[in-house]
Amino acid sequence: MDPDTARQQIRDKITALAESLGNKADGLGDDDFIPQLDILDSAATMELIMWLEQTYGISIPDDDLTIENFGTINLIAGYVTKNG
């Protein structure tokens, strides 16, 4: 998987999830700290994780669900390209 493609797909999914909650995320940058922006609730975050697993054909262990792996778009893209 190309990291640039993954970044765009992940940004699009996060933006769609945020908008479904009534939050604006159209200016979301690749290094913006997503938890600090408060644009996703816990249900949307779990939906994102399930989408990542389905889209990239990976299984994400609970121990990997950390800020270091999922705090920004760049970190998420790096994780899925490394593990996919």
PDB file of N, CA and C in Angstrom:
ATOM      1  N   MET A   1       0.856  -1.191   0.000  1.00  0.00           N
ATOM      2  CA  MET A   1       0.000   0.000   0.000  1.00  0.00           C
ATOM      3  C   MET A   1       0.888   1.236   0.000  1.00  0.00           C
ATOM      4  N   ASP A   2       0.576   2.139  -0.895  1.00  0.00           N
ATOM      5  CA  ASP A   2       1.279   3.411  -0.998  1.00  0.00           C
ATOM      6  C   ASP A   2       0.893   4.298   0.196  1.00  0.00           C
ATOM      7  N   PRO A   3       1.891   4.818   0.937  1.00  0.00           N
ATOM      8  CA  PRO A   3       1.577   5.654   2.113  1.00  0.00           C
ATOM      9  C   PRO A   3       0.740   6.889   1.781  1.00  0.00           C
ATOM     10  N   ASP A   4       0.966   7.497   0.611  1.00  0.00           N
ATOM     11  CA  ASP A   4       0.187   8.687   0.238  1.00  0.00           C
ATOM     12  C   ASP A   4      -1.279   8.347   0.022  1.00  0.00           C
ATOM     13  N   THR A   5      -1.522   7.208  -0.617  1.00  0.00           N
ATOM     14  CA  THR A   5      -2.901   6.750  -0.821  1.00  0.00           C
ATOM     15  C   THR A   5      -3.553   6.441   0.516  1.00  0.00           C
ATOM     16  N   ALA A   6      -2.821   5.756   1.385  1.00  0.00           N
ATOM     17  CA  ALA A   6      -3.353   5.428   2.713  1.00  0.00           C
ATOM     18  C   ALA A   6      -3.690   6.698   3.481  1.00  0.00           C
ATOM     19  N   ARG A   7      -2.797   7.685   3.452  1.00  0.00           N
ATOM     20  CA  ARG A   7      -3.053   8.947   4.164  1.00  0.00           C
ATOM     21  C   ARG A   7      -4.346   9.595   3.676  1.00  0.00           C
ATOM     22  N   GLN A   8      -4.534   9.636   2.363  1.00  0.00           N
ATOM     23  CA  GLN A   8      -5.735  10.265   1.812  1.00  0.00           C
ATOM     24  C   GLN A   8      -6.996   9.493   2.206  1.00  0.00           C
ATOM     25  N   GLN A   9      -6.950   8.175   2.120  1.00  0.00           N
ATOM     26  CA  GLN A   9      -8.108   7.356   2.496  1.00  0.00           C
ATOM     27  C   GLN A   9      -8.436   7.542   3.980  1.00  0.00           C
ATOM     28  N   ILE A  10      -7.416   7.564   4.817  1.00  0.00           N
ATOM     29  CA  ILE A  10      -7.622   7.718   6.261  1.00  0.00           C
ATOM     30  C   ILE A  10      -8.172   9.106   6.568  1.00  0.00           C
ATOM     31  N   ARG A  11      -7.612  10.139   5.934  1.00  0.00           N
ATOM     32  CA  ARG A  11      -8.121  11.504   6.139  1.00  0.00           C
ATOM     33  C   ARG A  11      -9.589  11.592   5.728  1.00  0.00           C
ATOM     34  N   ASP A  12      -9.927  11.000   4.576  1.00  0.00           N
ATOM     35  CA  ASP A  12     -11.317  11.030   4.107  1.00  0.00           C
ATOM     36  C   ASP A  12     -12.249  10.326   5.096  1.00  0.00           C
ATOM     37  N   LYS A  13     -11.826   9.183   5.635  1.00  0.00           N
ATOM     38  CA  LYS A  13     -12.667   8.435   6.582  1.00  0.00           C
ATOM     39  C   LYS A  13     -12.846   9.222   7.880  1.00  0.00           C
ATOM     40  N   ILE A  14     -11.773   9.783   8.410  1.00  0.00           N
ATOM     41  CA  ILE A  14     -11.869  10.564   9.651  1.00  0.00           C
ATOM     42  C   ILE A  14     -12.755  11.782   9.442  1.00  0.00           C
ATOM     43  N   THR A  15     -12.606  12.438   8.305  1.00  0.00           N
ATOM     44  CA  THR A  15     -13.439  13.608   8.003  1.00  0.00           C
ATOM     45  C   THR A  15     -14.914  13.219   7.935  1.00  0.00           C
ATOM     46  N   ALA A  16     -15.199  12.095   7.278  1.00  0.00           N
ATOM     47  CA  ALA A  16     -16.593  11.635   7.171  1.00  0.00           C
ATOM     48  C   ALA A  16     -17.156  11.278   8.539  1.00  0.00           C
ATOM     49  N   LEU A  17     -16.370  10.600   9.353  1.00  0.00           N
ATOM     50  CA  LEU A  17     -16.835  10.244  10.704  1.00  0.00           C
ATOM     51  C   LEU A  17     -17.083  11.497  11.537  1.00  0.00           C
ATOM     52  N   ALA A  18     -16.179  12.461  11.461  1.00  0.00           N
ATOM     53  CA  ALA A  18     -16.339  13.706  12.219  1.00  0.00           C
ATOM     54  C   ALA A  18     -17.597  14.441  11.771  1.00  0.00           C
ATOM     55  N   GLU A  19     -17.792  14.524  10.463  1.00  0.00           N
ATOM     56  CA  GLU A  19     -18.964  15.228   9.944  1.00  0.00           C
ATOM     57  C   GLU A  19     -20.260  14.532  10.328  1.00  0.00           C
ATOM     58  N   SER A  20     -20.237  13.198  10.434  1.00  0.00           N
ATOM     59  CA  SER A  20     -21.444  12.477  10.856  1.00  0.00           C
ATOM     60  C   SER A  20     -21.815  12.819  12.300  1.00  0.00           C
ATOM     61  N   LEU A  21     -20.838  13.317  13.050  1.00  0.00           N
ATOM     62  CA  LEU A  21     -21.076  13.742  14.436  1.00  0.00           C
ATOM     63  C   LEU A  21     -21.339  15.245  14.532  1.00  0.00           C
ATOM     64  N   GLY A  22     -21.341  15.918  13.376  1.00  0.00           N
ATOM     65  CA  GLY A  22     -21.566  17.362  13.369  1.00  0.00           C
ATOM     66  C   GLY A  22     -20.317  18.173  13.625  1.00  0.00           C
ATOM     67  N   ASN A  23     -19.148  17.555  13.465  1.00  0.00           N
ATOM     68  CA  ASN A  23     -17.876  18.237  13.686  1.00  0.00           C
ATOM     69  C   ASN A  23     -17.184  18.494  12.357  1.00  0.00           C
ATOM     70  N   LYS A  24     -16.553  19.645  12.236  1.00  0.00           N
ATOM     71  CA  LYS A  24     -15.822  19.988  11.021  1.00  0.00           C
ATOM     72  C   LYS A  24     -14.395  19.456  11.126  1.00  0.00           C
ATOM     73  N   ALA A  25     -13.942  18.801  10.060  1.00  0.00           N
ATOM     74  CA  ALA A  25     -12.578  18.286  10.025  1.00  0.00           C
ATOM     75  C   ALA A  25     -11.949  18.497   8.662  1.00  0.00           C
ATOM     76  N   ASP A  26     -12.502  19.436   7.879  1.00  0.00           N
ATOM     77  CA  ASP A  26     -12.025  19.620   6.513  1.00  0.00           C
ATOM     78  C   ASP A  26     -10.612  20.192   6.435  1.00  0.00           C
ATOM     79  N   GLY A  27     -10.093  20.767   7.478  1.00  0.00           N
ATOM     80  CA  GLY A  27      -8.724  21.283   7.481  1.00  0.00           C
ATOM     81  C   GLY A  27      -7.752  20.370   8.206  1.00  0.00           C
ATOM     82  N   LEU A  28      -8.131  19.122   8.414  1.00  0.00           N
ATOM     83  CA  LEU A  28      -7.324  18.173   9.172  1.00  0.00           C
ATOM     84  C   LEU A  28      -5.986  17.918   8.485  1.00  0.00           C
ATOM     85  N   GLY A  29      -4.902  18.196   9.192  1.00  0.00           N
ATOM     86  CA  GLY A  29      -3.566  17.973   8.656  1.00  0.00           C
ATOM     87  C   GLY A  29      -3.021  16.611   9.048  1.00  0.00           C
ATOM     88  N   ASP A  30      -2.012  16.165   8.317  1.00  0.00           N
ATOM     89  CA  ASP A  30      -1.456  14.838   8.538  1.00  0.00           C
ATOM     90  C   ASP A  30      -0.788  14.674   9.898  1.00  0.00           C
ATOM     91  N   ASP A  31      -0.349  15.776  10.495  1.00  0.00           N
ATOM     92  CA  ASP A  31       0.305  15.700  11.800  1.00  0.00           C
ATOM     93  C   ASP A  31      -0.526  16.311  12.924  1.00  0.00           C
ATOM     94  N   ASP A  32      -1.789  16.646  12.638  1.00  0.00           N
ATOM     95  CA  ASP A  32      -2.671  17.150  13.702  1.00  0.00           C
ATOM     96  C   ASP A  32      -2.983  16.028  14.672  1.00  0.00           C
ATOM     97  N   PHE A  33      -2.926  16.329  15.946  1.00  0.00           N
ATOM     98  CA  PHE A  33      -3.160  15.343  17.000  1.00  0.00           C
ATOM     99  C   PHE A  33      -4.665  15.138  17.160  1.00  0.00           C
ATOM    100  N   ILE A  34      -5.178  14.072  16.589  1.00  0.00           N
ATOM    101  CA  ILE A  34      -6.619  13.828  16.476  1.00  0.00           C
ATOM    102  C   ILE A  34      -7.344  13.824  17.826  1.00  0.00           C
ATOM    103  N   PRO A  35      -6.839  13.138  18.857  1.00  0.00           N
ATOM    104  CA  PRO A  35      -7.567  13.157  20.136  1.00  0.00           C
ATOM    105  C   PRO A  35      -7.725  14.570  20.716  1.00  0.00           C
ATOM    106  N   GLN A  36      -6.749  15.419  20.479  1.00  0.00           N
ATOM    107  CA  GLN A  36      -6.793  16.780  21.010  1.00  0.00           C
ATOM    108  C   GLN A  36      -7.833  17.642  20.292  1.00  0.00           C
ATOM    109  N   LEU A  37      -8.146  17.289  19.040  1.00  0.00           N
ATOM    110  CA  LEU A  37      -9.118  18.056  18.265  1.00  0.00           C
ATOM    111  C   LEU A  37     -10.556  17.782  18.693  1.00  0.00           C
ATOM    112  N   ASP A  38     -10.765  16.658  19.377  1.00  0.00           N
ATOM    113  CA  ASP A  38     -12.089  16.292  19.888  1.00  0.00           C
ATOM    114  C   ASP A  38     -13.149  16.244  18.779  1.00  0.00           C
ATOM    115  N   ILE A  39     -12.779  15.619  17.647  1.00  0.00           N
ATOM    116  CA  ILE A  39     -13.719  15.535  16.521  1.00  0.00           C
ATOM    117  C   ILE A  39     -14.377  14.164  16.416  1.00  0.00           C
ATOM    118  N   LEU A  40     -13.815  13.157  17.117  1.00  0.00           N
ATOM    119  CA  LEU A  40     -14.387  11.813  17.113  1.00  0.00           C
ATOM    120  C   LEU A  40     -14.727  11.399  18.528  1.00  0.00           C
ATOM    121  N   ASP A  41     -15.874  10.763  18.696  1.00  0.00           N
ATOM    122  CA  ASP A  41     -16.192  10.189  19.999  1.00  0.00           C
ATOM    123  C   ASP A  41     -15.688   8.749  20.023  1.00  0.00           C
ATOM    124  N   SER A  42     -15.912   8.053  21.119  1.00  0.00           N
ATOM    125  CA  SER A  42     -15.373   6.695  21.254  1.00  0.00           C
ATOM    126  C   SER A  42     -15.992   5.736  20.240  1.00  0.00           C
ATOM    127  N   ALA A  43     -17.271   5.899  19.934  1.00  0.00           N
ATOM    128  CA  ALA A  43     -17.912   5.024  18.952  1.00  0.00           C
ATOM    129  C   ALA A  43     -17.327   5.254  17.559  1.00  0.00           C
ATOM    130  N   ALA A  44     -17.091   6.513  17.197  1.00  0.00           N
ATOM    131  CA  ALA A  44     -16.498   6.818  15.897  1.00  0.00           C
ATOM    132  C   ALA A  44     -15.060   6.315  15.830  1.00  0.00           C
ATOM    133  N   THR A  45     -14.354   6.382  16.924  1.00  0.00           N
ATOM    134  CA  THR A  45     -12.982   5.871  16.966  1.00  0.00           C
ATOM    135  C   THR A  45     -12.968   4.366  16.746  1.00  0.00           C
ATOM    136  N   MET A  46     -13.897   3.660  17.366  1.00  0.00           N
ATOM    137  CA  MET A  46     -13.985   2.210  17.156  1.00  0.00           C
ATOM    138  C   MET A  46     -14.397   1.889  15.719  1.00  0.00           C
ATOM    139  N   GLU A  47     -15.285   2.703  15.162  1.00  0.00           N
ATOM    140  CA  GLU A  47     -15.669   2.507  13.763  1.00  0.00           C
ATOM    141  C   GLU A  47     -14.460   2.699  12.844  1.00  0.00           C
ATOM    142  N   LEU A  48     -13.621   3.685  13.160  1.00  0.00           N
ATOM    143  CA  LEU A  48     -12.394   3.915  12.398  1.00  0.00           C
ATOM    144  C   LEU A  48     -11.470   2.700  12.485  1.00  0.00           C
ATOM    145  N   ILE A  49     -11.297   2.155  13.675  1.00  0.00           N
ATOM    146  CA  ILE A  49     -10.433   0.985  13.855  1.00  0.00           C
ATOM    147  C   ILE A  49     -10.959  -0.205  13.048  1.00  0.00           C
ATOM    148  N   MET A  50     -12.260  -0.447  13.110  1.00  0.00           N
ATOM    149  CA  MET A  50     -12.849  -1.554  12.340  1.00  0.00           C
ATOM    150  C   MET A  50     -12.681  -1.319  10.843  1.00  0.00           C
ATOM    151  N   TRP A  51     -12.860  -0.078  10.410  1.00  0.00           N
ATOM    152  CA  TRP A  51     -12.684   0.258   9.000  1.00  0.00           C
ATOM    153  C   TRP A  51     -11.236   0.015   8.570  1.00  0.00           C
ATOM    154  N   LEU A  52     -10.284   0.406   9.411  1.00  0.00           N
ATOM    155  CA  LEU A  52      -8.867   0.178   9.104  1.00  0.00           C
ATOM    156  C   LEU A  52      -8.584  -1.310   8.933  1.00  0.00           C
ATOM    157  N   GLU A  53      -9.123  -2.119   9.836  1.00  0.00           N
ATOM    158  CA  GLU A  53      -8.908  -3.564   9.755  1.00  0.00           C
ATOM    159  C   GLU A  53      -9.489  -4.137   8.465  1.00  0.00           C
ATOM    160  N   GLN A  54     -10.694  -3.726   8.118  1.00  0.00           N
ATOM    161  CA  GLN A  54     -11.347  -4.238   6.909  1.00  0.00           C
ATOM    162  C   GLN A  54     -10.674  -3.722   5.638  1.00  0.00           C
ATOM    163  N   THR A  55     -10.378  -2.443   5.605  1.00  0.00           N
ATOM    164  CA  THR A  55      -9.830  -1.816   4.405  1.00  0.00           C
ATOM    165  C   THR A  55      -8.416  -2.301   4.095  1.00  0.00           C
ATOM    166  N   TYR A  56      -7.619  -2.469   5.139  1.00  0.00           N
ATOM    167  CA  TYR A  56      -6.211  -2.815   4.940  1.00  0.00           C
ATOM    168  C   TYR A  56      -5.903  -4.278   5.247  1.00  0.00           C
ATOM    169  N   GLY A  57      -6.941  -5.056   5.566  1.00  0.00           N
ATOM    170  CA  GLY A  57      -6.761  -6.485   5.796  1.00  0.00           C
ATOM    171  C   GLY A  57      -5.821  -6.807   6.934  1.00  0.00           C
ATOM    172  N   ILE A  58      -5.933  -6.028   8.010  1.00  0.00           N
ATOM    173  CA  ILE A  58      -5.065  -6.239   9.167  1.00  0.00           C
ATOM    174  C   ILE A  58      -5.911  -6.500  10.400  1.00  0.00           C
ATOM    175  N   SER A  59      -5.275  -7.062  11.398  1.00  0.00           N
ATOM    176  CA  SER A  59      -5.890  -7.217  12.715  1.00  0.00           C
ATOM    177  C   SER A  59      -5.085  -6.347  13.669  1.00  0.00           C
ATOM    178  N   ILE A  60      -5.773  -5.463  14.365  1.00  0.00           N
ATOM    179  CA  ILE A  60      -5.082  -4.536  15.264  1.00  0.00           C
ATOM    180  C   ILE A  60      -5.274  -5.015  16.698  1.00  0.00           C
ATOM    181  N   PRO A  61      -4.198  -5.519  17.317  1.00  0.00           N
ATOM    182  CA  PRO A  61      -4.314  -5.965  18.704  1.00  0.00           C
ATOM    183  C   PRO A  61      -4.565  -4.779  19.643  1.00  0.00           C
ATOM    184  N   ASP A  62      -5.256  -5.048  20.730  1.00  0.00           N
ATOM    185  CA  ASP A  62      -5.556  -3.988  21.698  1.00  0.00           C
ATOM    186  C   ASP A  62      -4.298  -3.271  22.172  1.00  0.00           C
ATOM    187  N   ASP A  63      -3.203  -4.006  22.328  1.00  0.00           N
ATOM    188  CA  ASP A  63      -1.950  -3.399  22.801  1.00  0.00           C
ATOM    189  C   ASP A  63      -1.400  -2.361  21.826  1.00  0.00           C
ATOM    190  N   ASP A  64      -1.803  -2.449  20.558  1.00  0.00           N
ATOM    191  CA  ASP A  64      -1.323  -1.492  19.554  1.00  0.00           C
ATOM    192  C   ASP A  64      -2.186  -0.239  19.478  1.00  0.00           C
ATOM    193  N   LEU A  65      -3.314  -0.228  20.147  1.00  0.00           N
ATOM    194  CA  LEU A  65      -4.217   0.928  20.102  1.00  0.00           C
ATOM    195  C   LEU A  65      -3.699   2.020  21.043  1.00  0.00           C
ATOM    196  N   THR A  66      -2.644   2.683  20.593  1.00  0.00           N
ATOM    197  CA  THR A  66      -1.985   3.713  21.390  1.00  0.00           C
ATOM    198  C   THR A  66      -1.930   5.024  20.613  1.00  0.00           C
ATOM    199  N   ILE A  67      -1.678   6.090  21.325  1.00  0.00           N
ATOM    200  CA  ILE A  67      -1.493   7.403  20.713  1.00  0.00           C
ATOM    201  C   ILE A  67      -0.298   7.359  19.765  1.00  0.00           C
ATOM    202  N   GLU A  68       0.729   6.595  20.122  1.00  0.00           N
ATOM    203  CA  GLU A  68       1.931   6.503  19.293  1.00  0.00           C
ATOM    204  C   GLU A  68       1.640   5.866  17.928  1.00  0.00           C
ATOM    205  N   ASN A  69       0.601   5.054  17.842  1.00  0.00           N
ATOM    206  CA  ASN A  69       0.223   4.417  16.582  1.00  0.00           C
ATOM    207  C   ASN A  69      -0.943   5.104  15.882  1.00  0.00           C
ATOM    208  N   PHE A  70      -1.821   5.765  16.645  1.00  0.00           N
ATOM    209  CA  PHE A  70      -3.072   6.264  16.076  1.00  0.00           C
ATOM    210  C   PHE A  70      -3.375   7.721  16.417  1.00  0.00           C
ATOM    211  N   GLY A  71      -2.376   8.491  16.816  1.00  0.00           N
ATOM    212  CA  GLY A  71      -2.603   9.875  17.213  1.00  0.00           C
ATOM    213  C   GLY A  71      -2.774  10.857  16.067  1.00  0.00           C
ATOM    214  N   THR A  72      -2.167  10.547  14.923  1.00  0.00           N
ATOM    215  CA  THR A  72      -2.243  11.436  13.762  1.00  0.00           C
ATOM    216  C   THR A  72      -2.477  10.598  12.502  1.00  0.00           C
ATOM    217  N   ILE A  73      -2.824  11.272  11.439  1.00  0.00           N
ATOM    218  CA  ILE A  73      -2.997  10.572  10.159  1.00  0.00           C
ATOM    219  C   ILE A  73      -1.688   9.917   9.731  1.00  0.00           C
ATOM    220  N   ASN A  74      -0.572  10.639   9.873  1.00  0.00           N
ATOM    221  CA  ASN A  74       0.722  10.061   9.497  1.00  0.00           C
ATOM    222  C   ASN A  74       1.041   8.812  10.298  1.00  0.00           C
ATOM    223  N   LEU A  75       0.751   8.832  11.600  1.00  0.00           N
ATOM    224  CA  LEU A  75       1.018   7.653  12.434  1.00  0.00           C
ATOM    225  C   LEU A  75       0.129   6.482  12.029  1.00  0.00           C
ATOM    226  N   ILE A  76      -1.124   6.754  11.755  1.00  0.00           N
ATOM    227  CA  ILE A  76      -2.054   5.695  11.341  1.00  0.00           C
ATOM    228  C   ILE A  76      -1.608   5.116  10.000  1.00  0.00           C
ATOM    229  N   ALA A  77      -1.283   5.980   9.040  1.00  0.00           N
ATOM    230  CA  ALA A  77      -0.845   5.516   7.726  1.00  0.00           C
ATOM    231  C   ALA A  77       0.425   4.685   7.844  1.00  0.00           C
ATOM    232  N   GLY A  78       1.347   5.117   8.692  1.00  0.00           N
ATOM    233  CA  GLY A  78       2.562   4.340   8.916  1.00  0.00           C
ATOM    234  C   GLY A  78       2.269   2.982   9.502  1.00  0.00           C
ATOM    235  N   TYR A  79       1.340   2.939  10.443  1.00  0.00           N
ATOM    236  CA  TYR A  79       0.976   1.663  11.070  1.00  0.00           C
ATOM    237  C   TYR A  79       0.358   0.721  10.058  1.00  0.00           C
ATOM    238  N   VAL A  80      -0.606   1.185   9.280  1.00  0.00           N
ATOM    239  CA  VAL A  80      -1.290   0.268   8.357  1.00  0.00           C
ATOM    240  C   VAL A  80      -0.394  -0.153   7.203  1.00  0.00           C
ATOM    241  N   THR A  81       0.486   0.712   6.739  1.00  0.00           N
ATOM    242  CA  THR A  81       1.382   0.310   5.661  1.00  0.00           C
ATOM    243  C   THR A  81       2.448  -0.653   6.158  1.00  0.00           C
ATOM    244  N   LYS A  82       2.860  -0.501   7.407  1.00  0.00           N
ATOM    245  CA  LYS A  82       3.852  -1.398   7.984  1.00  0.00           C
ATOM    246  C   LYS A  82       3.234  -2.768   8.298  1.00  0.00           C
ATOM    247  N   ASN A  83       1.988  -2.790   8.701  1.00  0.00           N
ATOM    248  CA  ASN A  83       1.339  -4.031   9.142  1.00  0.00           C
ATOM    249  C   ASN A  83       0.397  -4.649   8.113  1.00  0.00           C
ATOM    250  N   GLY A  84       0.185  -3.968   7.014  1.00  0.00           N
ATOM    251  CA  GLY A  84      -0.762  -4.437   6.015  1.00  0.00           C
ATOM    252  C   GLY A  84      -0.161  -5.309   4.940  1.00  0.00           C
TER     253      GLY A  84
END
